[in-house]
Amino acid sequence: MAYLTDRKRAVGMGASKTGTMHHWHMIVTSVMLVGLIPQFIFTFGAALGGTHDDVLAYYSHPYPAIVAALTFLVGFVHFKNGAMALFEDYTHGLARKAWIIGTTCLCYTAAAVALFAIAQIAL
C-alpha cells in the first residue's frame, strides 16, 4: 500500500515522465553550445581563406578538429531534441511519428557525415 499522495508521485515527472529530462538535456546542450560556437567561429575563421593544403594542415592539429567535431555533434543533438519537442507539441497521429523518426534519422546521419568528414581531414 502506497502512502504517497497523487501530487507527490507526480512532482517532477510531467505528463509523459520525460519532460524534466528533456528540458535538462536542452539546457545542457545550450550551455555547451554557448562555449563551443565562439571557439568554432575563431578556429574556422583562422582557416578561412587558406589554400586546401593549409586548411588540411590546420585541421590536422587536435584542437580545431575536436572543437569542430564537438560543435557539430552537440549542435545536431540539440536540434534533434528541439525538433522533437516541436513535433510532439504541434503534430498528431502518424504524422508525429513520421516527423520524429525522420528528424532523428536526419540528425544522426548528418552528425555521422560531419564527424566522418572531420576525421578524413584531420587524419
PDB file of N, CA and C in Angstrom:
ATOM      1  N   MET A   1       0.836  -1.164   0.000  1.00  0.00           N
ATOM      2  CA  MET A   1       0.000   0.000   0.000  1.00  0.00           C
ATOM      3  C   MET A   1       0.890   1.240   0.000  1.00  0.00           C
ATOM      4  N   ALA A   2       0.676   2.125  -0.954  1.00  0.00           N
ATOM      5  CA  ALA A   2       1.483   3.325  -1.090  1.00  0.00           C
ATOM      6  C   ALA A   2       0.921   4.442  -0.222  1.00  0.00           C
ATOM      7  N   TYR A   3       1.816   5.104   0.477  1.00  0.00           N
ATOM      8  CA  TYR A   3       1.410   6.206   1.337  1.00  0.00           C
ATOM      9  C   TYR A   3       1.686   7.568   0.707  1.00  0.00           C
ATOM     10  N   LEU A   4       2.071   7.593  -0.558  1.00  0.00           N
ATOM     11  CA  LEU A   4       2.325   8.841  -1.255  1.00  0.00           C
ATOM     12  C   LEU A   4       1.029   9.405  -1.820  1.00  0.00           C
ATOM     13  N   THR A   5       0.915  10.709  -1.773  1.00  0.00           N
ATOM     14  CA  THR A   5      -0.244  11.344  -2.389  1.00  0.00           C
ATOM     15  C   THR A   5      -0.053  11.384  -3.895  1.00  0.00           C
ATOM     16  N   ASP A   6      -1.145  11.640  -4.608  1.00  0.00           N
ATOM     17  CA  ASP A   6      -1.053  11.732  -6.061  1.00  0.00           C
ATOM     18  C   ASP A   6      -0.109  12.849  -6.483  1.00  0.00           C
ATOM     19  N   ARG A   7      -0.157  13.965  -5.779  1.00  0.00           N
ATOM     20  CA  ARG A   7       0.710  15.090  -6.124  1.00  0.00           C
ATOM     21  C   ARG A   7       2.174  14.723  -5.912  1.00  0.00           C
ATOM     22  N   LYS A   8       2.493  14.048  -4.839  1.00  0.00           N
ATOM     23  CA  LYS A   8       3.873  13.672  -4.545  1.00  0.00           C
ATOM     24  C   LYS A   8       4.418  12.705  -5.597  1.00  0.00           C
ATOM     25  N   ARG A   9       3.584  11.802  -6.093  1.00  0.00           N
ATOM     26  CA  ARG A   9       4.010  10.880  -7.138  1.00  0.00           C
ATOM     27  C   ARG A   9       4.232  11.599  -8.469  1.00  0.00           C
ATOM     28  N   ALA A  10       3.523  12.700  -8.706  1.00  0.00           N
ATOM     29  CA  ALA A  10       3.579  13.391  -9.987  1.00  0.00           C
ATOM     30  C   ALA A  10       4.641  14.475 -10.058  1.00  0.00           C
ATOM     31  N   VAL A  11       5.174  14.905  -8.932  1.00  0.00           N
ATOM     32  CA  VAL A  11       6.128  16.016  -8.925  1.00  0.00           C
ATOM     33  C   VAL A  11       7.371  15.650  -9.735  1.00  0.00           C
ATOM     34  N   GLY A  12       7.694  16.506 -10.686  1.00  0.00           N
ATOM     35  CA  GLY A  12       8.892  16.331 -11.496  1.00  0.00           C
ATOM     36  C   GLY A  12       8.773  15.315 -12.611  1.00  0.00           C
ATOM     37  N   MET A  13       7.637  14.708 -12.788  1.00  0.00           N
ATOM     38  CA  MET A  13       7.508  13.667 -13.785  1.00  0.00           C
ATOM     39  C   MET A  13       6.950  14.170 -15.106  1.00  0.00           C
ATOM     40  N   GLY A  14       6.096  15.151 -15.109  1.00  0.00           N
ATOM     41  CA  GLY A  14       5.488  15.611 -16.347  1.00  0.00           C
ATOM     42  C   GLY A  14       4.449  14.613 -16.825  1.00  0.00           C
ATOM     43  N   ALA A  15       3.823  14.935 -17.930  1.00  0.00           N
ATOM     44  CA  ALA A  15       2.757  14.085 -18.442  1.00  0.00           C
ATOM     45  C   ALA A  15       3.290  12.749 -18.948  1.00  0.00           C
ATOM     46  N   SER A  16       4.433  12.768 -19.610  1.00  0.00           N
ATOM     47  CA  SER A  16       4.968  11.517 -20.161  1.00  0.00           C
ATOM     48  C   SER A  16       6.149  10.994 -19.352  1.00  0.00           C
ATOM     49  N   LYS A  17       6.423  11.618 -18.217  1.00  0.00           N
ATOM     50  CA  LYS A  17       7.508  11.231 -17.313  1.00  0.00           C
ATOM     51  C   LYS A  17       8.888  11.452 -17.901  1.00  0.00           C
ATOM     52  N   THR A  18       8.990  12.250 -18.973  1.00  0.00           N
ATOM     53  CA  THR A  18      10.291  12.551 -19.566  1.00  0.00           C
ATOM     54  C   THR A  18      10.495  14.043 -19.768  1.00  0.00           C
ATOM     55  N   GLY A  19       9.543  14.865 -19.396  1.00  0.00           N
ATOM     56  CA  GLY A  19       9.633  16.298 -19.647  1.00  0.00           C
ATOM     57  C   GLY A  19      10.798  16.959 -18.938  1.00  0.00           C
ATOM     58  N   THR A  20      11.043  16.587 -17.697  1.00  0.00           N
ATOM     59  CA  THR A  20      12.131  17.184 -16.941  1.00  0.00           C
ATOM     60  C   THR A  20      13.470  16.797 -17.541  1.00  0.00           C
ATOM     61  N   MET A  21      13.628  15.547 -17.919  1.00  0.00           N
ATOM     62  CA  MET A  21      14.889  15.094 -18.509  1.00  0.00           C
ATOM     63  C   MET A  21      15.129  15.753 -19.865  1.00  0.00           C
ATOM     64  N   HIS A  22      14.068  15.889 -20.650  1.00  0.00           N
ATOM     65  CA  HIS A  22      14.199  16.543 -21.957  1.00  0.00           C
ATOM     66  C   HIS A  22      14.624  17.992 -21.775  1.00  0.00           C
ATOM     67  N   HIS A  23      14.013  18.684 -20.822  1.00  0.00           N
ATOM     68  CA  HIS A  23      14.375  20.076 -20.551  1.00  0.00           C
ATOM     69  C   HIS A  23      15.817  20.174 -20.074  1.00  0.00           C
ATOM     70  N   TRP A  24      16.235  19.258 -19.231  1.00  0.00           N
ATOM     71  CA  TRP A  24      17.602  19.256 -18.724  1.00  0.00           C
ATOM     72  C   TRP A  24      18.599  19.038 -19.868  1.00  0.00           C
ATOM     73  N   HIS A  25      18.304  18.141 -20.789  1.00  0.00           N
ATOM     74  CA  HIS A  25      19.187  17.905 -21.941  1.00  0.00           C
ATOM     75  C   HIS A  25      19.288  19.155 -22.810  1.00  0.00           C
ATOM     76  N   MET A  26      18.172  19.852 -22.998  1.00  0.00           N
ATOM     77  CA  MET A  26      18.205  21.083 -23.796  1.00  0.00           C
ATOM     78  C   MET A  26      19.056  22.147 -23.112  1.00  0.00           C
ATOM     79  N   ILE A  27      18.963  22.269 -21.801  1.00  0.00           N
ATOM     80  CA  ILE A  27      19.760  23.252 -21.067  1.00  0.00           C
ATOM     81  C   ILE A  27      21.245  22.906 -21.166  1.00  0.00           C
ATOM     82  N   VAL A  28      21.589  21.645 -20.988  1.00  0.00           N
ATOM     83  CA  VAL A  28      22.993  21.227 -21.032  1.00  0.00           C
ATOM     84  C   VAL A  28      23.584  21.457 -22.422  1.00  0.00           C
ATOM     85  N   THR A  29      22.859  21.064 -23.475  1.00  0.00           N
ATOM     86  CA  THR A  29      23.397  21.268 -24.818  1.00  0.00           C
ATOM     87  C   THR A  29      23.456  22.754 -25.163  1.00  0.00           C
ATOM     88  N   SER A  30      22.531  23.553 -24.658  1.00  0.00           N
ATOM     89  CA  SER A  30      22.582  25.004 -24.887  1.00  0.00           C
ATOM     90  C   SER A  30      23.820  25.610 -24.255  1.00  0.00           C
ATOM     91  N   VAL A  31      24.115  25.228 -23.024  1.00  0.00           N
ATOM     92  CA  VAL A  31      25.296  25.753 -22.339  1.00  0.00           C
ATOM     93  C   VAL A  31      26.567  25.301 -23.052  1.00  0.00           C
ATOM     94  N   MET A  32      26.588  24.072 -23.519  1.00  0.00           N
ATOM     95  CA  MET A  32      27.752  23.594 -24.263  1.00  0.00           C
ATOM     96  C   MET A  32      27.938  24.390 -25.554  1.00  0.00           C
ATOM     97  N   LEU A  33      26.841  24.673 -26.245  1.00  0.00           N
ATOM     98  CA  LEU A  33      26.935  25.427 -27.491  1.00  0.00           C
ATOM     99  C   LEU A  33      27.358  26.875 -27.254  1.00  0.00           C
ATOM    100  N   VAL A  34      27.009  27.449 -26.107  1.00  0.00           N
ATOM    101  CA  VAL A  34      27.443  28.815 -25.797  1.00  0.00           C
ATOM    102  C   VAL A  34      28.968  28.890 -25.768  1.00  0.00           C
ATOM    103  N   GLY A  35      29.609  27.861 -25.282  1.00  0.00           N
ATOM    104  CA  GLY A  35      31.068  27.831 -25.272  1.00  0.00           C
ATOM    105  C   GLY A  35      31.680  27.359 -26.575  1.00  0.00           C
ATOM    106  N   LEU A  36      31.010  26.439 -27.248  1.00  0.00           N
ATOM    107  CA  LEU A  36      31.596  25.855 -28.459  1.00  0.00           C
ATOM    108  C   LEU A  36      31.479  26.747 -29.691  1.00  0.00           C
ATOM    109  N   ILE A  37      30.372  27.447 -29.842  1.00  0.00           N
ATOM    110  CA  ILE A  37      30.161  28.247 -31.050  1.00  0.00           C
ATOM    111  C   ILE A  37      31.232  29.325 -31.215  1.00  0.00           C
ATOM    112  N   PRO A  38      31.559  30.130 -30.197  1.00  0.00           N
ATOM    113  CA  PRO A  38      32.639  31.105 -30.401  1.00  0.00           C
ATOM    114  C   PRO A  38      33.985  30.455 -30.713  1.00  0.00           C
ATOM    115  N   GLN A  39      34.280  29.343 -30.049  1.00  0.00           N
ATOM    116  CA  GLN A  39      35.533  28.646 -30.349  1.00  0.00           C
ATOM    117  C   GLN A  39      35.540  28.137 -31.787  1.00  0.00           C
ATOM    118  N   PHE A  40      34.406  27.618 -32.240  1.00  0.00           N
ATOM    119  CA  PHE A  40      34.326  27.133 -33.617  1.00  0.00           C
ATOM    120  C   PHE A  40      34.499  28.279 -34.602  1.00  0.00           C
ATOM    121  N   ILE A  41      33.878  29.416 -34.310  1.00  0.00           N
ATOM    122  CA  ILE A  41      33.990  30.567 -35.215  1.00  0.00           C
ATOM    123  C   ILE A  41      35.443  31.021 -35.310  1.00  0.00           C
ATOM    124  N   PHE A  42      36.139  31.103 -34.182  1.00  0.00           N
ATOM    125  CA  PHE A  42      37.527  31.551 -34.212  1.00  0.00           C
ATOM    126  C   PHE A  42      38.452  30.529 -34.862  1.00  0.00           C
ATOM    127  N   THR A  43      38.231  29.236 -34.607  1.00  0.00           N
ATOM    128  CA  THR A  43      39.091  28.234 -35.239  1.00  0.00           C
ATOM    129  C   THR A  43      38.787  28.110 -36.726  1.00  0.00           C
ATOM    130  N   PHE A  44      37.519  28.202 -37.097  1.00  0.00           N
ATOM    131  CA  PHE A  44      37.161  28.137 -38.521  1.00  0.00           C
ATOM    132  C   PHE A  44      37.632  29.402 -39.241  1.00  0.00           C
ATOM    133  N   GLY A  45      37.522  30.548 -38.568  1.00  0.00           N
ATOM    134  CA  GLY A  45      37.961  31.807 -39.176  1.00  0.00           C
ATOM    135  C   GLY A  45      39.449  31.830 -39.436  1.00  0.00           C
ATOM    136  N   ALA A  46      40.230  31.158 -38.602  1.00  0.00           N
ATOM    137  CA  ALA A  46      41.682  31.107 -38.816  1.00  0.00           C
ATOM    138  C   ALA A  46      42.029  30.327 -40.076  1.00  0.00           C
ATOM    139  N   ALA A  47      41.221  29.350 -40.427  1.00  0.00           N
ATOM    140  CA  ALA A  47      41.489  28.539 -41.613  1.00  0.00           C
ATOM    141  C   ALA A  47      40.824  29.104 -42.867  1.00  0.00           C
ATOM    142  N   LEU A  48      39.916  30.031 -42.690  1.00  0.00           N
ATOM    143  CA  LEU A  48      39.160  30.586 -43.810  1.00  0.00           C
ATOM    144  C   LEU A  48      40.075  31.391 -44.732  1.00  0.00           C
ATOM    145  N   GLY A  49      39.973  31.146 -46.007  1.00  0.00           N
ATOM    146  CA  GLY A  49      40.770  31.870 -46.995  1.00  0.00           C
ATOM    147  C   GLY A  49      42.097  31.219 -47.307  1.00  0.00           C
ATOM    148  N   GLY A  50      42.434  30.164 -46.611  1.00  0.00           N
ATOM    149  CA  GLY A  50      43.695  29.475 -46.870  1.00  0.00           C
ATOM    150  C   GLY A  50      43.572  28.517 -48.047  1.00  0.00           C
ATOM    151  N   THR A  51      44.685  28.066 -48.500  1.00  0.00           N
ATOM    152  CA  THR A  51      44.677  27.070 -49.577  1.00  0.00           C
ATOM    153  C   THR A  51      44.214  25.725 -49.014  1.00  0.00           C
ATOM    154  N   HIS A  52      43.962  24.811 -49.910  1.00  0.00           N
ATOM    155  CA  HIS A  52      43.497  23.480 -49.497  1.00  0.00           C
ATOM    156  C   HIS A  52      44.517  22.808 -48.590  1.00  0.00           C
ATOM    157  N   ASP A  53      45.776  22.897 -48.936  1.00  0.00           N
ATOM    158  CA  ASP A  53      46.821  22.274 -48.114  1.00  0.00           C
ATOM    159  C   ASP A  53      46.952  22.952 -46.752  1.00  0.00           C
ATOM    160  N   ASP A  54      46.771  24.284 -46.710  1.00  0.00           N
ATOM    161  CA  ASP A  54      46.830  25.000 -45.434  1.00  0.00           C
ATOM    162  C   ASP A  54      45.697  24.569 -44.507  1.00  0.00           C
ATOM    163  N   VAL A  55      44.504  24.420 -45.067  1.00  0.00           N
ATOM    164  CA  VAL A  55      43.349  24.010 -44.259  1.00  0.00           C
ATOM    165  C   VAL A  55      43.536  22.584 -43.757  1.00  0.00           C
ATOM    166  N   LEU A  56      44.034  21.697 -44.610  1.00  0.00           N
ATOM    167  CA  LEU A  56      44.292  20.323 -44.171  1.00  0.00           C
ATOM    168  C   LEU A  56      45.345  20.290 -43.067  1.00  0.00           C
ATOM    169  N   ALA A  57      46.377  21.100 -43.198  1.00  0.00           N
ATOM    170  CA  ALA A  57      47.407  21.142 -42.162  1.00  0.00           C
ATOM    171  C   ALA A  57      46.854  21.732 -40.869  1.00  0.00           C
ATOM    172  N   TYR A  58      45.997  22.742 -40.974  1.00  0.00           N
ATOM    173  CA  TYR A  58      45.424  23.379 -39.781  1.00  0.00           C
ATOM    174  C   TYR A  58      44.517  22.412 -39.033  1.00  0.00           C
ATOM    175  N   TYR A  59      43.661  21.710 -39.751  1.00  0.00           N
ATOM    176  CA  TYR A  59      42.731  20.784 -39.092  1.00  0.00           C
ATOM    177  C   TYR A  59      43.382  19.453 -38.727  1.00  0.00           C
ATOM    178  N   SER A  60      44.644  19.261 -39.074  1.00  0.00           N
ATOM    179  CA  SER A  60      45.330  18.061 -38.608  1.00  0.00           C
ATOM    180  C   SER A  60      45.776  18.219 -37.156  1.00  0.00           C
ATOM    181  N   HIS A  61      45.731  19.458 -36.644  1.00  0.00           N
ATOM    182  CA  HIS A  61      46.003  19.690 -35.222  1.00  0.00           C
ATOM    183  C   HIS A  61      44.767  19.274 -34.420  1.00  0.00           C
ATOM    184  N   PRO A  62      44.968  18.768 -33.214  1.00  0.00           N
ATOM    185  CA  PRO A  62      43.819  18.232 -32.469  1.00  0.00           C
ATOM    186  C   PRO A  62      42.789  19.275 -32.044  1.00  0.00           C
ATOM    187  N   TYR A  63      43.212  20.460 -31.614  1.00  0.00           N
ATOM    188  CA  TYR A  63      42.265  21.425 -31.056  1.00  0.00           C
ATOM    189  C   TYR A  63      41.196  21.856 -32.060  1.00  0.00           C
ATOM    190  N   PRO A  64      41.538  22.313 -33.268  1.00  0.00           N
ATOM    191  CA  PRO A  64      40.478  22.729 -34.194  1.00  0.00           C
ATOM    192  C   PRO A  64      39.582  21.565 -34.616  1.00  0.00           C
ATOM    193  N   ALA A  65      40.163  20.379 -34.775  1.00  0.00           N
ATOM    194  CA  ALA A  65      39.361  19.223 -35.185  1.00  0.00           C
ATOM    195  C   ALA A  65      38.387  18.813 -34.077  1.00  0.00           C
ATOM    196  N   ILE A  66      38.837  18.827 -32.836  1.00  0.00           N
ATOM    197  CA  ILE A  66      37.965  18.449 -31.724  1.00  0.00           C
ATOM    198  C   ILE A  66      36.862  19.482 -31.526  1.00  0.00           C
ATOM    199  N   VAL A  67      37.205  20.763 -31.630  1.00  0.00           N
ATOM    200  CA  VAL A  67      36.196  21.814 -31.482  1.00  0.00           C
ATOM    201  C   VAL A  67      35.136  21.684 -32.574  1.00  0.00           C
ATOM    202  N   ALA A  68      35.565  21.456 -33.812  1.00  0.00           N
ATOM    203  CA  ALA A  68      34.607  21.313 -34.910  1.00  0.00           C
ATOM    204  C   ALA A  68      33.729  20.079 -34.705  1.00  0.00           C
ATOM    205  N   ALA A  69      34.329  18.966 -34.312  1.00  0.00           N
ATOM    206  CA  ALA A  69      33.562  17.734 -34.111  1.00  0.00           C
ATOM    207  C   ALA A  69      32.553  17.892 -32.983  1.00  0.00           C
ATOM    208  N   LEU A  70      32.962  18.467 -31.867  1.00  0.00           N
ATOM    209  CA  LEU A  70      32.042  18.673 -30.747  1.00  0.00           C
ATOM    210  C   LEU A  70      30.921  19.643 -31.105  1.00  0.00           C
ATOM    211  N   THR A  71      31.257  20.695 -31.860  1.00  0.00           N
ATOM    212  CA  THR A  71      30.233  21.657 -32.247  1.00  0.00           C
ATOM    213  C   THR A  71      29.175  21.005 -33.116  1.00  0.00           C
ATOM    214  N   PHE A  72      29.604  20.228 -34.100  1.00  0.00           N
ATOM    215  CA  PHE A  72      28.635  19.552 -34.962  1.00  0.00           C
ATOM    216  C   PHE A  72      27.818  18.523 -34.186  1.00  0.00           C
ATOM    217  N   LEU A  73      28.470  17.729 -33.364  1.00  0.00           N
ATOM    218  CA  LEU A  73      27.770  16.679 -32.630  1.00  0.00           C
ATOM    219  C   LEU A  73      26.748  17.267 -31.651  1.00  0.00           C
ATOM    220  N   VAL A  74      27.162  18.213 -30.836  1.00  0.00           N
ATOM    221  CA  VAL A  74      26.256  18.820 -29.858  1.00  0.00           C
ATOM    222  C   VAL A  74      25.167  19.615 -30.570  1.00  0.00           C
ATOM    223  N   GLY A  75      25.518  20.288 -31.662  1.00  0.00           N
ATOM    224  CA  GLY A  75      24.524  21.059 -32.411  1.00  0.00           C
ATOM    225  C   GLY A  75      23.430  20.190 -32.992  1.00  0.00           C
ATOM    226  N   PHE A  76      23.806  19.060 -33.557  1.00  0.00           N
ATOM    227  CA  PHE A  76      22.791  18.175 -34.132  1.00  0.00           C
ATOM    228  C   PHE A  76      21.936  17.502 -33.057  1.00  0.00           C
ATOM    229  N   VAL A  77      22.521  17.165 -31.922  1.00  0.00           N
ATOM    230  CA  VAL A  77      21.734  16.591 -30.823  1.00  0.00           C
ATOM    231  C   VAL A  77      20.755  17.632 -30.284  1.00  0.00           C
ATOM    232  N   HIS A  78      21.214  18.871 -30.146  1.00  0.00           N
ATOM    233  CA  HIS A  78      20.342  19.950 -29.679  1.00  0.00           C
ATOM    234  C   HIS A  78      19.201  20.189 -30.671  1.00  0.00           C
ATOM    235  N   PHE A  79      19.519  20.178 -31.955  1.00  0.00           N
ATOM    236  CA  PHE A  79      18.481  20.357 -32.970  1.00  0.00           C
ATOM    237  C   PHE A  79      17.466  19.222 -32.932  1.00  0.00           C
ATOM    238  N   LYS A  80      17.951  17.991 -32.769  1.00  0.00           N
ATOM    239  CA  LYS A  80      17.045  16.833 -32.709  1.00  0.00           C
ATOM    240  C   LYS A  80      16.090  16.953 -31.529  1.00  0.00           C
ATOM    241  N   ASN A  81      16.611  17.326 -30.366  1.00  0.00           N
ATOM    242  CA  ASN A  81      15.760  17.450 -29.183  1.00  0.00           C
ATOM    243  C   ASN A  81      14.744  18.580 -29.333  1.00  0.00           C
ATOM    244  N   GLY A  82      15.174  19.700 -29.891  1.00  0.00           N
ATOM    245  CA  GLY A  82      14.256  20.814 -30.098  1.00  0.00           C
ATOM    246  C   GLY A  82      13.187  20.499 -31.116  1.00  0.00           C
ATOM    247  N   ALA A  83      13.573  19.854 -32.216  1.00  0.00           N
ATOM    248  CA  ALA A  83      12.598  19.493 -33.240  1.00  0.00           C
ATOM    249  C   ALA A  83      11.620  18.448 -32.709  1.00  0.00           C
ATOM    250  N   MET A  84      12.122  17.521 -31.888  1.00  0.00           N
ATOM    251  CA  MET A  84      11.234  16.516 -31.317  1.00  0.00           C
ATOM    252  C   MET A  84      10.179  17.168 -30.426  1.00  0.00           C
ATOM    253  N   ALA A  85      10.581  18.159 -29.622  1.00  0.00           N
ATOM    254  CA  ALA A  85       9.610  18.867 -28.778  1.00  0.00           C
ATOM    255  C   ALA A  85       8.595  19.612 -29.640  1.00  0.00           C
ATOM    256  N   LEU A  86       9.053  20.193 -30.722  1.00  0.00           N
ATOM    257  CA  LEU A  86       8.156  20.905 -31.632  1.00  0.00           C
ATOM    258  C   LEU A  86       7.126  19.960 -32.233  1.00  0.00           C
ATOM    259  N   PHE A  87       7.578  18.816 -32.734  1.00  0.00           N
ATOM    260  CA  PHE A  87       6.648  17.874 -33.361  1.00  0.00           C
ATOM    261  C   PHE A  87       5.709  17.238 -32.344  1.00  0.00           C
ATOM    262  N   GLU A  88       6.201  16.990 -31.126  1.00  0.00           N
ATOM    263  CA  GLU A  88       5.323  16.436 -30.093  1.00  0.00           C
ATOM    264  C   GLU A  88       4.214  17.409 -29.711  1.00  0.00           C
ATOM    265  N   ASP A  89       4.509  18.699 -29.770  1.00  0.00           N
ATOM    266  CA  ASP A  89       3.520  19.703 -29.376  1.00  0.00           C
ATOM    267  C   ASP A  89       2.526  20.035 -30.484  1.00  0.00           C
ATOM    268  N   TYR A  90       2.960  20.015 -31.741  1.00  0.00           N
ATOM    269  CA  TYR A  90       2.132  20.580 -32.805  1.00  0.00           C
ATOM    270  C   TYR A  90       1.673  19.598 -33.880  1.00  0.00           C
ATOM    271  N   THR A  91       2.035  18.338 -33.802  1.00  0.00           N
ATOM    272  CA  THR A  91       1.535  17.353 -34.765  1.00  0.00           C
ATOM    273  C   THR A  91       0.873  16.214 -34.006  1.00  0.00           C
ATOM    274  N   HIS A  92       0.057  15.432 -34.708  1.00  0.00           N
ATOM    275  CA  HIS A  92      -0.690  14.353 -34.064  1.00  0.00           C
ATOM    276  C   HIS A  92      -0.683  13.112 -34.948  1.00  0.00           C
ATOM    277  N   GLY A  93      -0.873  11.974 -34.310  1.00  0.00           N
ATOM    278  CA  GLY A  93      -1.064  10.718 -35.017  1.00  0.00           C
ATOM    279  C   GLY A  93       0.184  10.227 -35.724  1.00  0.00           C
ATOM    280  N   LEU A  94      -0.038   9.681 -36.911  1.00  0.00           N
ATOM    281  CA  LEU A  94       1.048   9.095 -37.695  1.00  0.00           C
ATOM    282  C   LEU A  94       2.041  10.155 -38.169  1.00  0.00           C
ATOM    283  N   ALA A  95       1.557  11.361 -38.433  1.00  0.00           N
ATOM    284  CA  ALA A  95       2.454  12.441 -38.864  1.00  0.00           C
ATOM    285  C   ALA A  95       3.483  12.743 -37.778  1.00  0.00           C
ATOM    286  N   ARG A  96       3.070  12.717 -36.513  1.00  0.00           N
ATOM    287  CA  ARG A  96       4.001  12.962 -35.410  1.00  0.00           C
ATOM    288  C   ARG A  96       5.115  11.933 -35.411  1.00  0.00           C
ATOM    289  N   LYS A  97       4.755  10.669 -35.521  1.00  0.00           N
ATOM    290  CA  LYS A  97       5.755   9.606 -35.515  1.00  0.00           C
ATOM    291  C   LYS A  97       6.683   9.715 -36.712  1.00  0.00           C
ATOM    292  N   ALA A  98       6.111  10.005 -37.884  1.00  0.00           N
ATOM    293  CA  ALA A  98       6.919  10.116 -39.096  1.00  0.00           C
ATOM    294  C   ALA A  98       7.911  11.281 -38.994  1.00  0.00           C
ATOM    295  N   TRP A  99       7.464  12.437 -38.512  1.00  0.00           N
ATOM    296  CA  TRP A  99       8.354  13.588 -38.380  1.00  0.00           C
ATOM    297  C   TRP A  99       9.454  13.322 -37.353  1.00  0.00           C
ATOM    298  N   ILE A 100       9.111  12.705 -36.242  1.00  0.00           N
ATOM    299  CA  ILE A 100      10.110  12.434 -35.205  1.00  0.00           C
ATOM    300  C   ILE A 100      11.145  11.439 -35.709  1.00  0.00           C
ATOM    301  N   ILE A 101      10.687  10.366 -36.343  1.00  0.00           N
ATOM    302  CA  ILE A 101      11.621   9.366 -36.870  1.00  0.00           C
ATOM    303  C   ILE A 101      12.489   9.968 -37.969  1.00  0.00           C
ATOM    304  N   GLY A 102      11.875  10.727 -38.865  1.00  0.00           N
ATOM    305  CA  GLY A 102      12.632  11.342 -39.957  1.00  0.00           C
ATOM    306  C   GLY A 102      13.666  12.339 -39.456  1.00  0.00           C
ATOM    307  N   THR A 103      13.286  13.162 -38.500  1.00  0.00           N
ATOM    308  CA  THR A 103      14.219  14.153 -37.958  1.00  0.00           C
ATOM    309  C   THR A 103      15.352  13.477 -37.195  1.00  0.00           C
ATOM    310  N   THR A 104      15.029  12.457 -36.436  1.00  0.00           N
ATOM    311  CA  THR A 104      16.056  11.732 -35.697  1.00  0.00           C
ATOM    312  C   THR A 104      17.057  11.092 -36.649  1.00  0.00           C
ATOM    313  N   CYS A 105      16.552  10.444 -37.684  1.00  0.00           N
ATOM    314  CA  CYS A 105      17.444   9.821 -38.672  1.00  0.00           C
ATOM    315  C   CYS A 105      18.290  10.867 -39.388  1.00  0.00           C
ATOM    316  N   LEU A 106      17.675  11.983 -39.763  1.00  0.00           N
ATOM    317  CA  LEU A 106      18.404  13.047 -40.444  1.00  0.00           C
ATOM    318  C   LEU A 106      19.507  13.615 -39.565  1.00  0.00           C
ATOM    319  N   CYS A 107      19.214  13.872 -38.306  1.00  0.00           N
ATOM    320  CA  CYS A 107      20.211  14.456 -37.407  1.00  0.00           C
ATOM    321  C   CYS A 107      21.372  13.511 -37.151  1.00  0.00           C
ATOM    322  N   TYR A 108      21.074  12.246 -36.889  1.00  0.00           N
ATOM    323  CA  TYR A 108      22.163  11.302 -36.648  1.00  0.00           C
ATOM    324  C   TYR A 108      22.980  11.049 -37.910  1.00  0.00           C
ATOM    325  N   THR A 109      22.342  11.035 -39.066  1.00  0.00           N
ATOM    326  CA  THR A 109      23.072  10.862 -40.318  1.00  0.00           C
ATOM    327  C   THR A 109      23.967  12.066 -40.581  1.00  0.00           C
ATOM    328  N   ALA A 110      23.435  13.273 -40.399  1.00  0.00           N
ATOM    329  CA  ALA A 110      24.230  14.481 -40.620  1.00  0.00           C
ATOM    330  C   ALA A 110      25.397  14.557 -39.637  1.00  0.00           C
ATOM    331  N   ALA A 111      25.176  14.171 -38.385  1.00  0.00           N
ATOM    332  CA  ALA A 111      26.262  14.173 -37.402  1.00  0.00           C
ATOM    333  C   ALA A 111      27.334  13.155 -37.786  1.00  0.00           C
ATOM    334  N   ALA A 112      26.926  11.986 -38.244  1.00  0.00           N
ATOM    335  CA  ALA A 112      27.897  10.965 -38.658  1.00  0.00           C
ATOM    336  C   ALA A 112      28.701  11.436 -39.868  1.00  0.00           C
ATOM    337  N   VAL A 113      28.034  12.059 -40.826  1.00  0.00           N
ATOM    338  CA  VAL A 113      28.733  12.571 -42.010  1.00  0.00           C
ATOM    339  C   VAL A 113      29.714  13.668 -41.611  1.00  0.00           C
ATOM    340  N   ALA A 114      29.302  14.559 -40.717  1.00  0.00           N
ATOM    341  CA  ALA A 114      30.193  15.639 -40.265  1.00  0.00           C
ATOM    342  C   ALA A 114      31.399  15.081 -39.531  1.00  0.00           C
ATOM    343  N   LEU A 115      31.189  14.115 -38.651  1.00  0.00           N
ATOM    344  CA  LEU A 115      32.318  13.513 -37.942  1.00  0.00           C
ATOM    345  C   LEU A 115      33.238  12.754 -38.882  1.00  0.00           C
ATOM    346  N   PHE A 116      32.666  12.074 -39.859  1.00  0.00           N
ATOM    347  CA  PHE A 116      33.486  11.364 -40.844  1.00  0.00           C
ATOM    348  C   PHE A 116      34.313  12.345 -41.663  1.00  0.00           C
ATOM    349  N   ALA A 117      33.710  13.459 -42.072  1.00  0.00           N
ATOM    350  CA  ALA A 117      34.445  14.454 -42.860  1.00  0.00           C
ATOM    351  C   ALA A 117      35.581  15.070 -42.040  1.00  0.00           C
ATOM    352  N   ILE A 118      35.318  15.378 -40.789  1.00  0.00           N
ATOM    353  CA  ILE A 118      36.371  15.944 -39.948  1.00  0.00           C
ATOM    354  C   ILE A 118      37.473  14.920 -39.725  1.00  0.00           C
ATOM    355  N   ALA A 119      37.118  13.670 -39.530  1.00  0.00           N
ATOM    356  CA  ALA A 119      38.133  12.615 -39.367  1.00  0.00           C
ATOM    357  C   ALA A 119      38.961  12.462 -40.635  1.00  0.00           C
ATOM    358  N   GLN A 120      38.330  12.554 -41.807  1.00  0.00           N
ATOM    359  CA  GLN A 120      39.071  12.461 -43.067  1.00  0.00           C
ATOM    360  C   GLN A 120      40.046  13.624 -43.211  1.00  0.00           C
ATOM    361  N   ILE A 121      39.625  14.811 -42.824  1.00  0.00           N
ATOM    362  CA  ILE A 121      40.501  15.984 -42.918  1.00  0.00           C
ATOM    363  C   ILE A 121      41.623  15.904 -41.887  1.00  0.00           C
ATOM    364  N   ALA A 122      41.276  15.512 -40.660  1.00  0.00           N
ATOM    365  CA  ALA A 122      42.244  15.522 -39.579  1.00  0.00           C
ATOM    366  C   ALA A 122      43.275  14.401 -39.691  1.00  0.00           C
ATOM    367  N   LEU A 123      42.921  13.305 -40.299  1.00  0.00           N
ATOM    368  CA  LEU A 123      43.859  12.172 -40.343  1.00  0.00           C
ATOM    369  C   LEU A 123      44.589  12.105 -41.613  1.00  0.00           C
TER     370      LEU A 123
END
